[in-house]
């Protein structure tokens, strides 16, 4: 084996190694229940769920902007102050556009003091899910 052959094999091995360590892309449609719903539960439901009494404070908490994200039908309906979901068009869905606004924008979600912004990957996943038609799968959510 010549030095040139060894170097070629080594370069190929390095290239393959770098490919295998690259983040895996999930081909196909986004699965709402396993990919998007966990983000909404963790980052959105605290402010956008059915009216309830906060067990920590004893105060009644109403959904912000009258937007409920804990029920697919109500998420599609939107709130009194926007928060609409337009299946097939993330650019027209404030559920998506509000998470991509600069954090200094008063309409940016989550609002300042309510947790970290969604990562670019989370934003892209939600965008893809909406653009694919915002299919909720078998998820029925909370009662109206």
C-alpha atoms as a PDB file:
ATOM      1  CA  UNK A   1       0.000   0.000   0.000  1.00  0.00           C
ATOM      2  CA  UNK A   2       1.437   3.375  -0.997  1.00  0.00           C
ATOM      3  CA  UNK A   3       1.411   6.518   1.112  1.00  0.00           C
ATOM      4  CA  UNK A   4      -1.000   8.075  -1.400  1.00  0.00           C
ATOM      5  CA  UNK A   5      -3.456   5.167  -0.926  1.00  0.00           C
ATOM      6  CA  UNK A   6      -3.198   5.368   2.863  1.00  0.00           C
ATOM      7  CA  UNK A   7      -3.862   9.119   2.788  1.00  0.00           C
ATOM      8  CA  UNK A   8      -6.851   8.642   0.450  1.00  0.00           C
ATOM      9  CA  UNK A   9      -8.340   5.943   2.691  1.00  0.00           C
ATOM     10  CA  UNK A  10      -7.726   8.125   5.762  1.00  0.00           C
ATOM     11  CA  UNK A  11      -9.398  11.142   4.133  1.00  0.00           C
ATOM     12  CA  UNK A  12     -12.408   9.018   3.172  1.00  0.00           C
ATOM     13  CA  UNK A  13     -12.665   7.662   6.720  1.00  0.00           C
ATOM     14  CA  UNK A  14     -12.559  11.198   8.126  1.00  0.00           C
ATOM     15  CA  UNK A  15     -15.281  12.315   5.711  1.00  0.00           C
ATOM     16  CA  UNK A  16     -17.498   9.368   6.651  1.00  0.00           C
ATOM     17  CA  UNK A  17     -16.878   9.985  10.333  1.00  0.00           C
ATOM     18  CA  UNK A  18     -17.942  13.605  10.008  1.00  0.00           C
ATOM     19  CA  UNK A  19     -21.099  12.542   8.188  1.00  0.00           C
ATOM     20  CA  UNK A  20     -22.079  10.120  10.918  1.00  0.00           C
ATOM     21  CA  UNK A  21     -21.694  12.766  13.618  1.00  0.00           C
ATOM     22  CA  UNK A  22     -23.914  15.241  11.783  1.00  0.00           C
ATOM     23  CA  UNK A  23     -27.361  15.764  13.310  1.00  0.00           C
ATOM     24  CA  UNK A  24     -29.891  13.350  11.878  1.00  0.00           C
ATOM     25  CA  UNK A  25     -32.572  14.907   9.712  1.00  0.00           C
ATOM     26  CA  UNK A  26     -36.008  13.419  10.159  1.00  0.00           C
ATOM     27  CA  UNK A  27     -37.377  12.741   6.705  1.00  0.00           C
ATOM     28  CA  UNK A  28     -41.084  12.773   6.147  1.00  0.00           C
ATOM     29  CA  UNK A  29     -43.882  14.486   7.959  1.00  0.00           C
ATOM     30  CA  UNK A  30     -43.613  15.939  11.432  1.00  0.00           C
ATOM     31  CA  UNK A  31     -45.497  13.899  14.041  1.00  0.00           C
ATOM     32  CA  UNK A  32     -47.476  16.318  16.192  1.00  0.00           C
ATOM     33  CA  UNK A  33     -47.865  14.085  19.232  1.00  0.00           C
ATOM     34  CA  UNK A  34     -44.201  13.113  19.556  1.00  0.00           C
ATOM     35  CA  UNK A  35     -42.462  16.203  18.180  1.00  0.00           C
ATOM     36  CA  UNK A  36     -44.614  19.349  18.471  1.00  0.00           C
ATOM     37  CA  UNK A  37     -46.977  18.629  21.377  1.00  0.00           C
ATOM     38  CA  UNK A  38     -44.108  18.266  23.891  1.00  0.00           C
ATOM     39  CA  UNK A  39     -42.879  21.754  22.910  1.00  0.00           C
ATOM     40  CA  UNK A  40     -46.353  23.241  23.295  1.00  0.00           C
ATOM     41  CA  UNK A  41     -46.855  21.497  26.660  1.00  0.00           C
ATOM     42  CA  UNK A  42     -43.531  22.733  27.985  1.00  0.00           C
ATOM     43  CA  UNK A  43     -43.510  26.229  26.515  1.00  0.00           C
ATOM     44  CA  UNK A  44     -47.097  27.332  25.739  1.00  0.00           C
ATOM     45  CA  UNK A  45     -49.699  25.552  27.849  1.00  0.00           C
ATOM     46  CA  UNK A  46     -48.871  27.394  31.068  1.00  0.00           C
ATOM     47  CA  UNK A  47     -50.383  30.586  29.630  1.00  0.00           C
ATOM     48  CA  UNK A  48     -52.638  29.146  26.914  1.00  0.00           C
ATOM     49  CA  UNK A  49     -54.780  26.453  28.523  1.00  0.00           C
ATOM     50  CA  UNK A  50     -58.272  26.090  29.932  1.00  0.00           C
ATOM     51  CA  UNK A  51     -59.156  28.415  32.780  1.00  0.00           C
ATOM     52  CA  UNK A  52     -58.038  26.843  36.039  1.00  0.00           C
ATOM     53  CA  UNK A  53     -57.012  27.621  39.608  1.00  0.00           C
ATOM     54  CA  UNK A  54     -53.254  27.795  40.047  1.00  0.00           C
ATOM     55  CA  UNK A  55     -52.417  25.302  42.809  1.00  0.00           C
ATOM     56  CA  UNK A  56     -49.444  27.422  43.947  1.00  0.00           C
ATOM     57  CA  UNK A  57     -51.236  30.753  44.281  1.00  0.00           C
ATOM     58  CA  UNK A  58     -54.903  29.790  44.476  1.00  0.00           C
ATOM     59  CA  UNK A  59     -55.642  32.396  41.785  1.00  0.00           C
ATOM     60  CA  UNK A  60     -57.766  31.727  38.727  1.00  0.00           C
ATOM     61  CA  UNK A  61     -55.666  31.702  35.556  1.00  0.00           C
ATOM     62  CA  UNK A  62     -57.366  32.454  32.252  1.00  0.00           C
ATOM     63  CA  UNK A  63     -55.823  31.740  28.852  1.00  0.00           C
ATOM     64  CA  UNK A  64     -53.758  34.720  27.691  1.00  0.00           C
ATOM     65  CA  UNK A  65     -55.281  36.461  24.695  1.00  0.00           C
ATOM     66  CA  UNK A  66     -58.174  33.999  25.086  1.00  0.00           C
ATOM     67  CA  UNK A  67     -56.029  31.582  23.067  1.00  0.00           C
ATOM     68  CA  UNK A  68     -56.284  27.937  24.058  1.00  0.00           C
ATOM     69  CA  UNK A  69     -53.514  25.704  22.776  1.00  0.00           C
ATOM     70  CA  UNK A  70     -54.515  22.660  24.827  1.00  0.00           C
ATOM     71  CA  UNK A  71     -57.279  21.643  22.398  1.00  0.00           C
ATOM     72  CA  UNK A  72     -56.839  21.254  18.618  1.00  0.00           C
ATOM     73  CA  UNK A  73     -60.231  22.753  17.687  1.00  0.00           C
ATOM     74  CA  UNK A  74     -59.644  25.789  19.896  1.00  0.00           C
ATOM     75  CA  UNK A  75     -56.094  26.182  18.617  1.00  0.00           C
ATOM     76  CA  UNK A  76     -57.444  26.327  15.069  1.00  0.00           C
ATOM     77  CA  UNK A  77     -60.088  28.851  16.153  1.00  0.00           C
ATOM     78  CA  UNK A  78     -57.512  31.206  17.642  1.00  0.00           C
ATOM     79  CA  UNK A  79     -57.946  33.730  20.402  1.00  0.00           C
ATOM     80  CA  UNK A  80     -59.609  37.108  20.638  1.00  0.00           C
ATOM     81  CA  UNK A  81     -56.248  38.780  20.198  1.00  0.00           C
ATOM     82  CA  UNK A  82     -54.933  36.626  17.368  1.00  0.00           C
ATOM     83  CA  UNK A  83     -53.001  33.451  17.892  1.00  0.00           C
ATOM     84  CA  UNK A  84     -54.433  31.885  14.802  1.00  0.00           C
ATOM     85  CA  UNK A  85     -53.238  28.711  13.144  1.00  0.00           C
ATOM     86  CA  UNK A  86     -53.496  28.520   9.357  1.00  0.00           C
ATOM     87  CA  UNK A  87     -52.787  24.928   8.296  1.00  0.00           C
ATOM     88  CA  UNK A  88     -50.526  24.888   5.256  1.00  0.00           C
ATOM     89  CA  UNK A  89     -49.197  28.424   5.790  1.00  0.00           C
ATOM     90  CA  UNK A  90     -46.895  29.111   8.729  1.00  0.00           C
ATOM     91  CA  UNK A  91     -46.332  32.683   7.521  1.00  0.00           C
ATOM     92  CA  UNK A  92     -50.041  33.410   8.171  1.00  0.00           C
ATOM     93  CA  UNK A  93     -50.071  31.593  11.529  1.00  0.00           C
ATOM     94  CA  UNK A  94     -49.368  33.853  14.478  1.00  0.00           C
ATOM     95  CA  UNK A  95     -48.732  30.731  16.547  1.00  0.00           C
ATOM     96  CA  UNK A  96     -45.575  30.444  14.414  1.00  0.00           C
ATOM     97  CA  UNK A  97     -44.764  34.078  13.617  1.00  0.00           C
ATOM     98  CA  UNK A  98     -44.935  35.126  17.278  1.00  0.00           C
ATOM     99  CA  UNK A  99     -42.188  32.642  18.218  1.00  0.00           C
ATOM    100  CA  UNK A 100     -39.890  34.064  15.537  1.00  0.00           C
ATOM    101  CA  UNK A 101     -40.252  37.759  16.393  1.00  0.00           C
ATOM    102  CA  UNK A 102     -37.283  39.520  18.012  1.00  0.00           C
ATOM    103  CA  UNK A 103     -37.490  39.144  21.772  1.00  0.00           C
ATOM    104  CA  UNK A 104     -37.798  42.928  22.099  1.00  0.00           C
ATOM    105  CA  UNK A 105     -41.124  42.838  20.216  1.00  0.00           C
ATOM    106  CA  UNK A 106     -44.085  43.042  22.604  1.00  0.00           C
ATOM    107  CA  UNK A 107     -45.854  40.263  20.664  1.00  0.00           C
ATOM    108  CA  UNK A 108     -42.895  37.844  20.859  1.00  0.00           C
ATOM    109  CA  UNK A 109     -43.628  34.498  22.498  1.00  0.00           C
ATOM    110  CA  UNK A 110     -42.897  33.424  25.049  1.00  0.00           C
ATOM    111  CA  UNK A 111     -42.969  36.908  26.548  1.00  0.00           C
ATOM    112  CA  UNK A 112     -40.062  38.245  28.526  1.00  0.00           C
ATOM    113  CA  UNK A 113     -39.887  36.627  31.942  1.00  0.00           C
ATOM    114  CA  UNK A 114     -41.847  33.531  30.854  1.00  0.00           C
ATOM    115  CA  UNK A 115     -38.916  31.357  29.878  1.00  0.00           C
ATOM    116  CA  UNK A 116     -36.319  31.051  27.170  1.00  0.00           C
ATOM    117  CA  UNK A 117     -37.135  31.560  23.531  1.00  0.00           C
ATOM    118  CA  UNK A 118     -37.729  28.479  21.414  1.00  0.00           C
ATOM    119  CA  UNK A 119     -34.632  27.189  19.673  1.00  0.00           C
ATOM    120  CA  UNK A 120     -34.240  27.566  15.920  1.00  0.00           C
ATOM    121  CA  UNK A 121     -34.788  23.809  15.620  1.00  0.00           C
ATOM    122  CA  UNK A 122     -38.065  24.021  17.572  1.00  0.00           C
ATOM    123  CA  UNK A 123     -39.211  26.981  15.463  1.00  0.00           C
ATOM    124  CA  UNK A 124     -38.362  25.128  12.247  1.00  0.00           C
ATOM    125  CA  UNK A 125     -40.194  22.012  13.426  1.00  0.00           C
ATOM    126  CA  UNK A 126     -43.361  23.986  14.211  1.00  0.00           C
ATOM    127  CA  UNK A 127     -43.084  25.779  10.859  1.00  0.00           C
ATOM    128  CA  UNK A 128     -42.740  22.464   9.024  1.00  0.00           C
ATOM    129  CA  UNK A 129     -45.698  20.970  10.930  1.00  0.00           C
ATOM    130  CA  UNK A 130     -47.929  23.934  10.034  1.00  0.00           C
ATOM    131  CA  UNK A 131     -46.793  23.998   6.399  1.00  0.00           C
ATOM    132  CA  UNK A 132     -47.553  20.265   6.168  1.00  0.00           C
ATOM    133  CA  UNK A 133     -51.160  20.970   7.164  1.00  0.00           C
ATOM    134  CA  UNK A 134     -50.997  21.083  10.996  1.00  0.00           C
ATOM    135  CA  UNK A 135     -52.222  17.514  11.466  1.00  0.00           C
ATOM    136  CA  UNK A 136     -52.931  16.783  15.145  1.00  0.00           C
ATOM    137  CA  UNK A 137     -53.018  13.011  14.679  1.00  0.00           C
ATOM    138  CA  UNK A 138     -55.147  11.274  17.314  1.00  0.00           C
ATOM    139  CA  UNK A 139     -54.608  14.033  19.913  1.00  0.00           C
ATOM    140  CA  UNK A 140     -57.898  15.367  21.245  1.00  0.00           C
ATOM    141  CA  UNK A 141     -56.506  17.655  23.936  1.00  0.00           C
ATOM    142  CA  UNK A 142     -58.345  19.062  26.922  1.00  0.00           C
ATOM    143  CA  UNK A 143     -62.102  19.430  27.005  1.00  0.00           C
ATOM    144  CA  UNK A 144     -63.514  22.720  25.810  1.00  0.00           C
END
